[in-house]
Amino acid sequence: MANRKLDLQEPREDILEGRNPVYEALKAGRQVDKILIAKGEHHGSIIRILALAKQGRIPISEVKSYIEERIKF
């Protein structure tokens, strides 16, 4: 599959951003295809997100830069 560039100004309903929205979606049982986290971010609320993702067998990818990954998505 070819990488698509996103228009960073255009909001998308199929992408959640931020720790709290992702955590709440996981807690509510919402379908999540994958989770992207910044390399080295394994503290605070990320620990709860990782635990829920592991329970739900949701793939987790560590990325260098949030913006780099968002542009490639």
Protein backbone atom coordinates (compact mmCIF):
# COMPACT_ATOMS: atom_id res chain seq x y z
CA MET A 1 0.00 0.00 0.00
CA ALA A 2 1.36 3.42 -0.92
CA ASN A 3 1.77 6.04 1.79
CA ARG A 4 -0.79 8.82 1.67
CA LYS A 5 0.02 12.33 2.76
CA LEU A 6 -2.53 13.92 5.03
CA ASP A 7 -3.75 17.46 4.99
CA LEU A 8 -2.82 18.43 8.56
CA GLN A 9 -5.55 21.09 8.57
CA GLU A 10 -8.36 18.68 7.73
CA PRO A 11 -9.82 16.89 10.78
CA ARG A 12 -10.47 13.16 10.44
CA GLU A 13 -13.02 11.20 12.39
CA ASP A 14 -11.07 7.94 12.13
CA ILE A 15 -8.00 9.25 13.98
CA LEU A 16 -7.83 9.99 17.70
CA GLU A 17 -5.10 12.24 19.05
CA GLY A 18 -3.99 12.61 22.62
CA ARG A 19 -3.71 10.37 25.63
CA ASN A 20 -7.14 11.00 27.12
CA PRO A 21 -9.20 10.45 23.94
CA VAL A 22 -7.29 7.23 23.21
CA TYR A 23 -7.66 5.99 26.78
CA GLU A 24 -11.39 6.76 26.84
CA ALA A 25 -11.92 5.02 23.50
CA LEU A 26 -10.13 1.90 24.74
CA LYS A 27 -12.05 1.96 28.01
CA ALA A 28 -15.35 2.24 26.12
CA GLY A 29 -14.47 -0.74 23.94
CA ARG A 30 -14.32 1.30 20.75
CA GLN A 31 -12.58 -0.42 17.83
CA VAL A 32 -8.97 0.70 17.57
CA ASP A 33 -6.81 -0.55 14.69
CA LYS A 34 -3.43 0.52 16.06
CA ILE A 35 -1.81 2.91 18.50
CA LEU A 36 1.17 5.13 17.76
CA ILE A 37 3.28 6.38 20.66
CA ALA A 38 6.42 8.47 20.70
CA LYS A 39 9.61 6.51 21.37
CA GLY A 40 10.49 6.46 25.03
CA GLU A 41 6.99 7.45 26.21
CA HIS A 42 6.39 4.66 28.69
CA HIS A 43 5.28 6.62 31.74
CA GLY A 44 2.18 8.26 33.14
CA SER A 45 -1.11 7.58 31.40
CA ILE A 46 0.69 5.76 28.57
CA ILE A 47 1.09 2.79 30.92
CA ARG A 48 -2.71 2.48 31.23
CA ILE A 49 -3.13 2.81 27.48
CA LEU A 50 -0.51 0.13 26.82
CA ALA A 51 -2.19 -2.23 29.31
CA LEU A 52 -5.62 -1.81 27.66
CA ALA A 53 -4.09 -2.20 24.20
CA LYS A 54 -2.36 -5.41 25.27
CA GLN A 55 -5.64 -6.76 26.66
CA GLY A 56 -7.39 -5.95 23.39
CA ARG A 57 -4.50 -7.25 21.27
CA ILE A 58 -4.18 -3.88 19.57
CA PRO A 59 -0.89 -3.32 17.73
CA ILE A 60 1.34 -0.60 19.18
CA SER A 61 4.01 1.17 17.16
CA GLU A 62 6.69 3.42 18.55
CA VAL A 63 7.42 6.35 16.26
CA LYS A 64 10.23 8.89 16.10
CA SER A 65 8.08 11.92 15.65
CA TYR A 66 4.35 12.40 15.90
CA ILE A 67 4.29 14.79 12.94
CA GLU A 68 6.45 12.51 10.76
CA GLU A 69 4.12 9.59 11.33
CA ARG A 70 0.98 11.65 10.86
CA ILE A 71 2.22 12.87 7.49
CA LYS A 72 3.05 9.30 6.34
CA PHE A 73 -0.21 7.73 7.64
